[in-house]
Amino acid sequence: MTATILASNNASRYTGRNAGDPHPAAVFGAVLAMLWATHNSGDHVVQTDVQAANKADTRPGPYVDEDGARRPGWIQAMAGHVGGYTAVQVAGLVALRAVGIRPTLGSTVAAVTWSAATHAILDRRTPVTAVLRRVGAPRFAALTSPICGGYLADQALHHAALTISALLLARGSRPTPTGGSHQR
């Protein structure tokens, strides 16, 4: 028991963590994996066809298209898409509690807000095209076959934003009361 307490005290002194707490790099890896998984589900499974077709439209409000069908406009389509996407992310972050990762409320709000905001901006499509043009890749931006350059760049930029979210979450995480060996 003395060795456990000594190890706990030394770990705390040199790393700011207690013995048995997950290493910040492990927390970052687990959080990033969860964010990527929930990104793929939220962006490709939860998103409806109507949201995908209208989130980058130029008309902000509802309208009737040339076939007489009512369309939501980009604001409603984007709000629905980002709302579903964010709900999937939050559910995934809550699920991390099962493996002893408990981001603080502040870091969760910051990371999820960053993710939702950057997702909405990038999904307007024009920012992604602008980035590709700025870096000298306008042909890649316009490419649709055999691959879609705009889509691949969109996903790469989403992944970069998710990495920042993971850093925010890992920095503001604490072990669950049942995780780790807390001898005090």
N, C-alpha and C. Protein backbone atom coordinates (compact mmCIF):
# COMPACT_ATOMS: atom_id res chain seq x y z
N MET A 1 0.82 -1.18 0.00
CA MET A 1 0.00 0.00 0.00
C MET A 1 0.87 1.25 0.00
N THR A 2 1.98 1.23 0.74
CA THR A 2 2.87 2.39 0.77
C THR A 2 3.43 2.66 -0.62
N ALA A 3 3.79 1.61 -1.35
CA ALA A 3 4.32 1.79 -2.70
C ALA A 3 3.27 2.42 -3.61
N THR A 4 2.01 2.03 -3.47
CA THR A 4 0.94 2.61 -4.29
C THR A 4 0.76 4.08 -3.97
N ILE A 5 0.77 4.43 -2.70
CA ILE A 5 0.61 5.82 -2.31
C ILE A 5 1.81 6.63 -2.79
N LEU A 6 3.03 6.08 -2.64
CA LEU A 6 4.23 6.76 -3.09
C LEU A 6 4.18 6.97 -4.60
N ALA A 7 3.80 5.94 -5.35
CA ALA A 7 3.70 6.06 -6.81
C ALA A 7 2.66 7.12 -7.17
N SER A 8 1.58 7.12 -6.45
CA SER A 8 0.53 8.12 -6.70
C SER A 8 1.05 9.52 -6.44
N ASN A 9 1.77 9.70 -5.32
CA ASN A 9 2.30 11.02 -5.00
C ASN A 9 3.34 11.46 -6.02
N ASN A 10 4.24 10.57 -6.42
CA ASN A 10 5.26 10.91 -7.41
C ASN A 10 4.64 11.23 -8.76
N ALA A 11 3.66 10.44 -9.19
CA ALA A 11 3.00 10.71 -10.47
C ALA A 11 2.37 12.09 -10.44
N SER A 12 1.73 12.41 -9.36
CA SER A 12 1.09 13.72 -9.23
C SER A 12 2.10 14.84 -9.24
N ARG A 13 3.22 14.64 -8.57
CA ARG A 13 4.25 15.69 -8.47
C ARG A 13 4.84 16.00 -9.84
N TYR A 14 5.14 14.98 -10.65
CA TYR A 14 5.84 15.20 -11.90
C TYR A 14 4.93 15.39 -13.11
N THR A 15 3.74 14.89 -13.07
CA THR A 15 2.87 14.98 -14.26
C THR A 15 1.57 15.70 -14.00
N GLY A 16 1.25 15.99 -12.75
CA GLY A 16 -0.04 16.59 -12.44
C GLY A 16 -1.16 15.58 -12.47
N ARG A 17 -0.81 14.28 -12.60
CA ARG A 17 -1.81 13.22 -12.65
C ARG A 17 -1.59 12.27 -11.49
N ASN A 18 -2.62 11.57 -11.13
CA ASN A 18 -2.51 10.51 -10.14
C ASN A 18 -2.19 9.20 -10.84
N ALA A 19 -1.52 8.29 -10.13
CA ALA A 19 -1.24 6.97 -10.69
C ALA A 19 -2.56 6.33 -11.09
N GLY A 20 -2.61 5.75 -12.26
CA GLY A 20 -3.83 5.10 -12.74
C GLY A 20 -4.69 6.00 -13.61
N ASP A 21 -4.44 7.32 -13.58
CA ASP A 21 -5.18 8.22 -14.47
C ASP A 21 -4.72 7.96 -15.91
N PRO A 22 -5.62 8.09 -16.87
CA PRO A 22 -5.19 7.90 -18.26
C PRO A 22 -4.22 9.00 -18.68
N HIS A 23 -3.24 8.63 -19.45
CA HIS A 23 -2.27 9.60 -19.96
C HIS A 23 -2.97 10.55 -20.92
N PRO A 24 -2.63 11.85 -20.90
CA PRO A 24 -3.28 12.80 -21.80
C PRO A 24 -3.22 12.40 -23.28
N ALA A 25 -2.13 11.77 -23.70
CA ALA A 25 -2.03 11.33 -25.09
C ALA A 25 -3.04 10.22 -25.39
N ALA A 26 -3.27 9.35 -24.42
CA ALA A 26 -4.27 8.29 -24.59
C ALA A 26 -5.66 8.88 -24.64
N VAL A 27 -5.90 9.88 -23.81
CA VAL A 27 -7.20 10.57 -23.83
C VAL A 27 -7.40 11.23 -25.19
N PHE A 28 -6.36 11.92 -25.68
CA PHE A 28 -6.44 12.56 -26.99
C PHE A 28 -6.77 11.53 -28.08
N GLY A 29 -6.08 10.40 -28.07
CA GLY A 29 -6.32 9.36 -29.08
C GLY A 29 -7.73 8.82 -29.02
N ALA A 30 -8.22 8.54 -27.82
CA ALA A 30 -9.58 8.01 -27.68
C ALA A 30 -10.62 9.05 -28.11
N VAL A 31 -10.40 10.29 -27.72
CA VAL A 31 -11.35 11.35 -28.08
C VAL A 31 -11.33 11.58 -29.59
N LEU A 32 -10.15 11.62 -30.19
CA LEU A 32 -10.06 11.82 -31.64
C LEU A 32 -10.73 10.67 -32.40
N ALA A 33 -10.50 9.45 -31.95
CA ALA A 33 -11.15 8.30 -32.60
C ALA A 33 -12.67 8.42 -32.51
N MET A 34 -13.17 8.82 -31.35
CA MET A 34 -14.62 8.97 -31.19
C MET A 34 -15.15 10.10 -32.06
N LEU A 35 -14.44 11.21 -32.11
CA LEU A 35 -14.88 12.33 -32.94
C LEU A 35 -14.89 11.95 -34.42
N TRP A 36 -13.90 11.20 -34.87
CA TRP A 36 -13.88 10.78 -36.28
C TRP A 36 -15.03 9.83 -36.57
N ALA A 37 -15.27 8.90 -35.66
CA ALA A 37 -16.38 7.94 -35.87
C ALA A 37 -17.72 8.66 -35.89
N THR A 38 -17.91 9.58 -34.94
CA THR A 38 -19.19 10.29 -34.90
C THR A 38 -19.30 11.28 -36.06
N HIS A 39 -18.17 11.81 -36.52
CA HIS A 39 -18.20 12.67 -37.71
C HIS A 39 -18.73 11.88 -38.90
N ASN A 40 -18.17 10.70 -39.11
CA ASN A 40 -18.59 9.91 -40.26
C ASN A 40 -20.07 9.53 -40.17
N SER A 41 -20.52 9.17 -38.98
CA SER A 41 -21.94 8.84 -38.81
C SER A 41 -22.82 10.07 -39.01
N GLY A 42 -22.44 11.18 -38.39
CA GLY A 42 -23.25 12.39 -38.47
C GLY A 42 -23.25 13.01 -39.85
N ASP A 43 -22.12 12.92 -40.55
CA ASP A 43 -22.01 13.56 -41.86
C ASP A 43 -22.55 12.70 -42.98
N HIS A 44 -22.50 11.38 -42.84
CA HIS A 44 -22.87 10.50 -43.95
C HIS A 44 -24.10 9.64 -43.71
N VAL A 45 -24.47 9.41 -42.47
CA VAL A 45 -25.61 8.53 -42.19
C VAL A 45 -26.82 9.33 -41.69
N VAL A 46 -26.59 10.23 -40.76
CA VAL A 46 -27.69 10.98 -40.14
C VAL A 46 -28.21 12.09 -41.07
N GLN A 47 -27.34 12.66 -41.88
CA GLN A 47 -27.74 13.74 -42.79
C GLN A 47 -28.75 13.22 -43.82
N THR A 48 -29.83 13.97 -43.99
CA THR A 48 -30.87 13.57 -44.96
C THR A 48 -30.51 14.06 -46.36
N ASP A 49 -31.16 13.49 -47.36
CA ASP A 49 -30.95 13.93 -48.74
C ASP A 49 -31.34 15.39 -48.91
N VAL A 50 -32.42 15.81 -48.27
CA VAL A 50 -32.87 17.21 -48.37
C VAL A 50 -31.83 18.14 -47.77
N GLN A 51 -31.27 17.77 -46.63
CA GLN A 51 -30.23 18.60 -46.01
C GLN A 51 -29.01 18.69 -46.92
N ALA A 52 -28.57 17.56 -47.45
CA ALA A 52 -27.38 17.53 -48.31
C ALA A 52 -27.59 18.37 -49.57
N ALA A 53 -28.78 18.30 -50.14
CA ALA A 53 -29.06 19.01 -51.38
C ALA A 53 -29.23 20.51 -51.18
N ASN A 54 -29.60 20.94 -49.99
CA ASN A 54 -29.96 22.34 -49.79
C ASN A 54 -29.04 23.14 -48.87
N LYS A 55 -28.11 22.51 -48.16
CA LYS A 55 -27.29 23.22 -47.18
C LYS A 55 -26.33 24.23 -47.81
N ALA A 56 -26.04 24.09 -49.09
CA ALA A 56 -25.16 25.04 -49.77
C ALA A 56 -25.92 25.88 -50.79
N ASP A 57 -27.24 25.85 -50.73
CA ASP A 57 -28.08 26.63 -51.64
C ASP A 57 -27.83 28.12 -51.44
N THR A 58 -28.17 28.90 -52.42
CA THR A 58 -28.00 30.35 -52.29
C THR A 58 -29.21 31.00 -51.63
N ARG A 59 -30.35 30.30 -51.58
CA ARG A 59 -31.56 30.87 -50.99
C ARG A 59 -31.61 30.53 -49.51
N PRO A 60 -31.65 31.55 -48.65
CA PRO A 60 -31.63 31.29 -47.20
C PRO A 60 -32.94 30.72 -46.66
N GLY A 61 -34.06 31.10 -47.22
CA GLY A 61 -35.35 30.67 -46.68
C GLY A 61 -36.04 29.67 -47.57
N PRO A 62 -37.18 29.15 -47.09
CA PRO A 62 -37.94 28.17 -47.87
C PRO A 62 -38.37 28.73 -49.23
N TYR A 63 -38.44 27.85 -50.21
CA TYR A 63 -38.85 28.25 -51.55
C TYR A 63 -39.48 27.04 -52.26
N VAL A 64 -40.09 27.30 -53.39
CA VAL A 64 -40.66 26.25 -54.23
C VAL A 64 -39.78 26.14 -55.46
N ASP A 65 -39.28 24.93 -55.74
CA ASP A 65 -38.38 24.76 -56.88
C ASP A 65 -39.15 24.68 -58.19
N GLU A 66 -38.42 24.49 -59.28
CA GLU A 66 -39.03 24.47 -60.61
C GLU A 66 -40.01 23.32 -60.83
N ASP A 67 -39.91 22.27 -60.00
CA ASP A 67 -40.83 21.14 -60.09
C ASP A 67 -42.02 21.29 -59.14
N GLY A 68 -42.10 22.41 -58.45
CA GLY A 68 -43.20 22.64 -57.52
C GLY A 68 -42.97 22.07 -56.13
N ALA A 69 -41.78 21.54 -55.88
CA ALA A 69 -41.48 20.96 -54.57
C ALA A 69 -41.00 22.06 -53.62
N ARG A 70 -41.45 21.97 -52.37
CA ARG A 70 -41.00 22.93 -51.35
C ARG A 70 -39.60 22.53 -50.88
N ARG A 71 -38.72 23.49 -50.83
CA ARG A 71 -37.34 23.30 -50.36
C ARG A 71 -37.12 24.17 -49.13
N PRO A 72 -36.26 23.72 -48.21
CA PRO A 72 -36.10 24.44 -46.95
C PRO A 72 -35.23 25.69 -47.00
N GLY A 73 -34.42 25.85 -48.02
CA GLY A 73 -33.43 26.92 -47.99
C GLY A 73 -32.23 26.46 -47.17
N TRP A 74 -31.11 27.16 -47.34
CA TRP A 74 -29.88 26.66 -46.75
C TRP A 74 -29.83 26.77 -45.23
N ILE A 75 -30.46 27.79 -44.66
CA ILE A 75 -30.37 27.95 -43.21
C ILE A 75 -31.04 26.79 -42.48
N GLN A 76 -32.25 26.45 -42.89
CA GLN A 76 -32.97 25.33 -42.25
C GLN A 76 -32.27 24.01 -42.53
N ALA A 77 -31.80 23.81 -43.76
CA ALA A 77 -31.11 22.56 -44.10
C ALA A 77 -29.82 22.42 -43.29
N MET A 78 -29.06 23.50 -43.19
CA MET A 78 -27.80 23.45 -42.44
C MET A 78 -28.06 23.25 -40.95
N ALA A 79 -29.06 23.94 -40.42
CA ALA A 79 -29.38 23.79 -38.99
C ALA A 79 -29.77 22.34 -38.68
N GLY A 80 -30.55 21.73 -39.55
CA GLY A 80 -30.93 20.33 -39.34
C GLY A 80 -29.74 19.40 -39.41
N HIS A 81 -28.88 19.64 -40.40
CA HIS A 81 -27.70 18.78 -40.56
C HIS A 81 -26.74 18.94 -39.38
N VAL A 82 -26.39 20.16 -39.04
CA VAL A 82 -25.44 20.39 -37.95
C VAL A 82 -26.04 19.97 -36.61
N GLY A 83 -27.35 20.13 -36.44
CA GLY A 83 -28.00 19.67 -35.22
C GLY A 83 -27.89 18.16 -35.05
N GLY A 84 -28.17 17.41 -36.11
CA GLY A 84 -28.05 15.95 -36.05
C GLY A 84 -26.60 15.52 -35.87
N TYR A 85 -25.71 16.17 -36.59
CA TYR A 85 -24.27 15.89 -36.50
C TYR A 85 -23.77 16.10 -35.07
N THR A 86 -24.16 17.22 -34.48
CA THR A 86 -23.72 17.55 -33.13
C THR A 86 -24.32 16.59 -32.11
N ALA A 87 -25.56 16.19 -32.28
CA ALA A 87 -26.19 15.23 -31.37
C ALA A 87 -25.43 13.91 -31.37
N VAL A 88 -25.01 13.46 -32.55
CA VAL A 88 -24.24 12.22 -32.64
C VAL A 88 -22.89 12.39 -31.94
N GLN A 89 -22.25 13.54 -32.13
CA GLN A 89 -20.97 13.79 -31.45
C GLN A 89 -21.11 13.79 -29.94
N VAL A 90 -22.12 14.48 -29.44
CA VAL A 90 -22.32 14.54 -27.99
C VAL A 90 -22.58 13.14 -27.44
N ALA A 91 -23.39 12.35 -28.14
CA ALA A 91 -23.65 10.97 -27.68
C ALA A 91 -22.35 10.17 -27.61
N GLY A 92 -21.49 10.35 -28.61
CA GLY A 92 -20.20 9.67 -28.60
C GLY A 92 -19.30 10.11 -27.46
N LEU A 93 -19.31 11.40 -27.18
CA LEU A 93 -18.48 11.91 -26.08
C LEU A 93 -19.00 11.42 -24.73
N VAL A 94 -20.30 11.32 -24.58
CA VAL A 94 -20.88 10.76 -23.35
C VAL A 94 -20.47 9.29 -23.22
N ALA A 95 -20.44 8.58 -24.33
CA ALA A 95 -20.07 7.15 -24.31
C ALA A 95 -18.63 6.95 -23.84
N LEU A 96 -17.77 7.94 -24.00
CA LEU A 96 -16.38 7.82 -23.54
C LEU A 96 -16.28 7.65 -22.03
N ARG A 97 -17.33 8.03 -21.32
CA ARG A 97 -17.33 7.84 -19.86
C ARG A 97 -17.16 6.36 -19.51
N ALA A 98 -17.63 5.49 -20.39
CA ALA A 98 -17.55 4.04 -20.14
C ALA A 98 -16.10 3.56 -20.06
N VAL A 99 -15.17 4.30 -20.68
CA VAL A 99 -13.76 3.92 -20.61
C VAL A 99 -12.96 4.87 -19.73
N GLY A 100 -13.66 5.63 -18.91
CA GLY A 100 -12.99 6.46 -17.92
C GLY A 100 -12.58 7.84 -18.38
N ILE A 101 -13.10 8.30 -19.50
CA ILE A 101 -12.76 9.64 -19.99
C ILE A 101 -13.95 10.56 -19.76
N ARG A 102 -13.70 11.63 -19.03
CA ARG A 102 -14.76 12.57 -18.65
C ARG A 102 -14.31 14.00 -18.94
N PRO A 103 -14.52 14.48 -20.16
CA PRO A 103 -14.15 15.87 -20.42
C PRO A 103 -14.97 16.81 -19.54
N THR A 104 -14.36 17.91 -19.16
CA THR A 104 -15.08 18.90 -18.37
C THR A 104 -16.19 19.51 -19.22
N LEU A 105 -17.17 20.09 -18.56
CA LEU A 105 -18.26 20.73 -19.28
C LEU A 105 -17.73 21.86 -20.16
N GLY A 106 -16.82 22.65 -19.63
CA GLY A 106 -16.26 23.76 -20.40
C GLY A 106 -15.53 23.30 -21.65
N SER A 107 -14.69 22.26 -21.52
CA SER A 107 -13.95 21.79 -22.69
C SER A 107 -14.90 21.13 -23.69
N THR A 108 -15.94 20.48 -23.19
CA THR A 108 -16.92 19.87 -24.09
C THR A 108 -17.67 20.93 -24.88
N VAL A 109 -18.13 21.96 -24.19
CA VAL A 109 -18.85 23.05 -24.87
C VAL A 109 -17.94 23.71 -25.91
N ALA A 110 -16.69 23.99 -25.54
CA ALA A 110 -15.75 24.63 -26.47
C ALA A 110 -15.51 23.75 -27.69
N ALA A 111 -15.24 22.47 -27.47
CA ALA A 111 -14.93 21.56 -28.57
C ALA A 111 -16.12 21.31 -29.47
N VAL A 112 -17.29 21.10 -28.89
CA VAL A 112 -18.49 20.84 -29.70
C VAL A 112 -18.91 22.10 -30.46
N THR A 113 -18.78 23.26 -29.82
CA THR A 113 -19.10 24.52 -30.51
C THR A 113 -18.15 24.75 -31.69
N TRP A 114 -16.86 24.52 -31.46
CA TRP A 114 -15.87 24.65 -32.53
C TRP A 114 -16.21 23.70 -33.67
N SER A 115 -16.50 22.45 -33.34
CA SER A 115 -16.81 21.45 -34.35
C SER A 115 -18.06 21.83 -35.15
N ALA A 116 -19.12 22.22 -34.45
CA ALA A 116 -20.38 22.58 -35.13
C ALA A 116 -20.18 23.81 -36.01
N ALA A 117 -19.51 24.82 -35.50
CA ALA A 117 -19.32 26.05 -36.27
C ALA A 117 -18.46 25.82 -37.51
N THR A 118 -17.34 25.13 -37.34
CA THR A 118 -16.48 24.88 -38.51
C THR A 118 -17.18 23.96 -39.49
N HIS A 119 -17.97 23.02 -38.99
CA HIS A 119 -18.68 22.12 -39.88
C HIS A 119 -19.67 22.91 -40.75
N ALA A 120 -20.41 23.80 -40.12
CA ALA A 120 -21.39 24.61 -40.86
C ALA A 120 -20.69 25.49 -41.89
N ILE A 121 -19.58 26.09 -41.52
CA ILE A 121 -18.85 26.96 -42.46
C ILE A 121 -18.34 26.16 -43.65
N LEU A 122 -17.69 25.05 -43.37
CA LEU A 122 -17.12 24.24 -44.46
C LEU A 122 -18.21 23.65 -45.35
N ASP A 123 -19.34 23.29 -44.79
CA ASP A 123 -20.40 22.67 -45.58
C ASP A 123 -21.14 23.65 -46.49
N ARG A 124 -20.84 24.93 -46.40
CA ARG A 124 -21.39 25.88 -47.37
C ARG A 124 -20.68 25.71 -48.71
N ARG A 125 -19.62 24.96 -48.74
CA ARG A 125 -18.82 24.57 -49.90
C ARG A 125 -17.93 25.67 -50.46
N THR A 126 -18.39 26.90 -50.50
CA THR A 126 -17.55 27.97 -51.06
C THR A 126 -16.25 28.17 -50.26
N PRO A 127 -16.24 28.02 -48.93
CA PRO A 127 -14.95 28.15 -48.22
C PRO A 127 -13.94 27.08 -48.64
N VAL A 128 -14.41 25.86 -48.88
CA VAL A 128 -13.50 24.79 -49.29
C VAL A 128 -12.93 25.10 -50.67
N THR A 129 -13.77 25.54 -51.58
CA THR A 129 -13.32 25.92 -52.92
C THR A 129 -12.33 27.06 -52.83
N ALA A 130 -12.59 28.04 -51.97
CA ALA A 130 -11.69 29.17 -51.81
C ALA A 130 -10.33 28.72 -51.29
N VAL A 131 -10.31 27.79 -50.34
CA VAL A 131 -9.03 27.27 -49.82
C VAL A 131 -8.26 26.59 -50.94
N LEU A 132 -8.94 25.75 -51.72
CA LEU A 132 -8.25 25.04 -52.80
C LEU A 132 -7.71 26.01 -53.85
N ARG A 133 -8.47 27.03 -54.16
CA ARG A 133 -7.98 28.03 -55.12
C ARG A 133 -6.78 28.77 -54.54
N ARG A 134 -6.86 29.10 -53.27
CA ARG A 134 -5.79 29.86 -52.61
C ARG A 134 -4.47 29.09 -52.59
N VAL A 135 -4.55 27.77 -52.43
CA VAL A 135 -3.33 26.96 -52.40
C VAL A 135 -2.89 26.52 -53.80
N GLY A 136 -3.59 27.02 -54.82
CA GLY A 136 -3.19 26.72 -56.20
C GLY A 136 -3.75 25.43 -56.75
N ALA A 137 -4.91 25.00 -56.26
CA ALA A 137 -5.51 23.75 -56.74
C ALA A 137 -6.94 23.95 -57.27
N PRO A 138 -7.15 24.93 -58.17
CA PRO A 138 -8.51 25.14 -58.67
C PRO A 138 -9.04 23.97 -59.49
N ARG A 139 -8.16 23.26 -60.20
CA ARG A 139 -8.62 22.09 -60.97
C ARG A 139 -9.05 20.97 -60.04
N PHE A 140 -8.34 20.80 -58.92
CA PHE A 140 -8.74 19.79 -57.95
C PHE A 140 -10.10 20.15 -57.35
N ALA A 141 -10.34 21.44 -57.11
CA ALA A 141 -11.63 21.89 -56.57
C ALA A 141 -12.77 21.54 -57.51
N ALA A 142 -12.51 21.62 -58.82
CA ALA A 142 -13.56 21.36 -59.81
C ALA A 142 -13.68 19.89 -60.19
N LEU A 143 -12.73 19.08 -59.77
CA LEU A 143 -12.69 17.67 -60.15
C LEU A 143 -13.88 16.89 -59.57
N THR A 144 -14.57 16.15 -60.41
CA THR A 144 -15.69 15.31 -59.94
C THR A 144 -15.52 13.85 -60.32
N SER A 145 -14.55 13.53 -61.19
CA SER A 145 -14.35 12.14 -61.58
C SER A 145 -12.87 11.95 -61.91
N PRO A 146 -12.26 10.92 -61.49
CA PRO A 146 -12.76 9.74 -60.79
C PRO A 146 -13.01 9.97 -59.30
N ILE A 147 -12.53 11.09 -58.79
CA ILE A 147 -12.81 11.44 -57.40
C ILE A 147 -13.39 12.84 -57.36
N CYS A 148 -13.99 13.20 -56.24
CA CYS A 148 -14.53 14.54 -56.08
C CYS A 148 -13.56 15.34 -55.21
N GLY A 149 -12.82 16.23 -55.85
CA GLY A 149 -11.82 17.02 -55.14
C GLY A 149 -12.40 17.85 -54.02
N GLY A 150 -13.53 18.49 -54.27
CA GLY A 150 -14.17 19.32 -53.26
C GLY A 150 -14.57 18.51 -52.04
N TYR A 151 -15.11 17.32 -52.27
CA TYR A 151 -15.53 16.46 -51.15
C TYR A 151 -14.31 16.01 -50.33
N LEU A 152 -13.26 15.59 -51.01
CA LEU A 152 -12.06 15.14 -50.28
C LEU A 152 -11.45 16.28 -49.47
N ALA A 153 -11.40 17.47 -50.05
CA ALA A 153 -10.87 18.61 -49.31
C ALA A 153 -11.78 18.96 -48.14
N ASP A 154 -13.10 18.89 -48.35
CA ASP A 154 -14.07 19.13 -47.28
C ASP A 154 -13.80 18.19 -46.10
N GLN A 155 -13.63 16.91 -46.39
CA GLN A 155 -13.39 15.94 -45.33
C GLN A 155 -12.05 16.18 -44.64
N ALA A 156 -11.02 16.54 -45.41
CA ALA A 156 -9.71 16.82 -44.82
C ALA A 156 -9.79 18.01 -43.87
N LEU A 157 -10.51 19.04 -44.27
CA LEU A 157 -10.66 20.21 -43.40
C LEU A 157 -11.52 19.90 -42.17
N HIS A 158 -12.55 19.08 -42.34
CA HIS A 158 -13.33 18.64 -41.17
C HIS A 158 -12.44 17.87 -40.20
N HIS A 159 -11.58 17.00 -40.72
CA HIS A 159 -10.69 16.22 -39.86
C HIS A 159 -9.71 17.12 -39.12
N ALA A 160 -9.22 18.16 -39.78
CA ALA A 160 -8.34 19.11 -39.10
C ALA A 160 -9.09 19.80 -37.97
N ALA A 161 -10.32 20.21 -38.22
CA ALA A 161 -11.14 20.86 -37.17
C ALA A 161 -11.40 19.89 -36.02
N LEU A 162 -11.66 18.62 -36.34
CA LEU A 162 -11.90 17.62 -35.29
C LEU A 162 -10.65 17.40 -34.44
N THR A 163 -9.49 17.51 -35.04
CA THR A 163 -8.25 17.35 -34.29
C THR A 163 -8.12 18.47 -33.25
N ILE A 164 -8.50 19.67 -33.63
CA ILE A 164 -8.50 20.78 -32.68
C ILE A 164 -9.52 20.52 -31.56
N SER A 165 -10.70 20.03 -31.93
CA SER A 165 -11.70 19.68 -30.91
C SER A 165 -11.16 18.63 -29.95
N ALA A 166 -10.46 17.62 -30.49
CA ALA A 166 -9.89 16.57 -29.63
C ALA A 166 -8.84 17.14 -28.68
N LEU A 167 -8.05 18.08 -29.15
CA LEU A 167 -7.06 18.72 -28.27
C LEU A 167 -7.76 19.48 -27.15
N LEU A 168 -8.82 20.21 -27.49
CA LEU A 168 -9.57 20.93 -26.46
C LEU A 168 -10.16 19.97 -25.43
N LEU A 169 -10.70 18.85 -25.90
CA LEU A 169 -11.32 17.88 -24.99
C LEU A 169 -10.28 17.16 -24.14
N ALA A 170 -9.18 16.77 -24.75
CA ALA A 170 -8.15 16.03 -23.99
C ALA A 170 -7.52 16.93 -22.94
N ARG A 171 -7.36 18.18 -23.27
CA ARG A 171 -6.77 19.12 -22.31
C ARG A 171 -7.68 19.34 -21.12
N GLY A 172 -8.99 19.24 -21.34
CA GLY A 172 -9.95 19.49 -20.27
C GLY A 172 -10.65 18.24 -19.80
N SER A 173 -9.94 17.11 -19.73
CA SER A 173 -10.54 15.86 -19.27
C SER A 173 -10.03 15.49 -17.90
N ARG A 174 -10.84 14.74 -17.21
CA ARG A 174 -10.43 14.23 -15.90
C ARG A 174 -10.92 12.78 -15.82
N PRO A 175 -10.26 11.96 -15.03
CA PRO A 175 -10.69 10.57 -14.93
C PRO A 175 -12.03 10.46 -14.20
N THR A 176 -12.76 9.41 -14.50
CA THR A 176 -14.01 9.18 -13.78
C THR A 176 -13.68 8.75 -12.37
N PRO A 177 -14.58 8.96 -11.42
CA PRO A 177 -14.30 8.57 -10.03
C PRO A 177 -13.96 7.10 -9.89
N THR A 178 -14.48 6.23 -10.76
CA THR A 178 -14.18 4.81 -10.66
C THR A 178 -12.95 4.43 -11.46
N GLY A 179 -12.47 5.31 -12.35
CA GLY A 179 -11.30 5.03 -13.17
C GLY A 179 -10.04 5.37 -12.41
N GLY A 180 -9.01 4.61 -12.61
CA GLY A 180 -7.74 4.90 -11.96
C GLY A 180 -7.73 4.50 -10.50
N SER A 181 -6.57 4.58 -9.90
CA SER A 181 -6.47 4.21 -8.49
C SER A 181 -6.21 5.47 -7.69
N HIS A 182 -7.24 6.02 -7.16
CA HIS A 182 -7.13 7.27 -6.39
C HIS A 182 -7.04 6.95 -4.90
N GLN A 183 -5.85 7.01 -4.36
CA GLN A 183 -5.63 6.75 -2.95
C GLN A 183 -5.29 8.08 -2.30
N ARG A 184 -6.20 8.62 -1.56
CA ARG A 184 -5.94 9.92 -0.92
C ARG A 184 -6.19 9.85 0.54
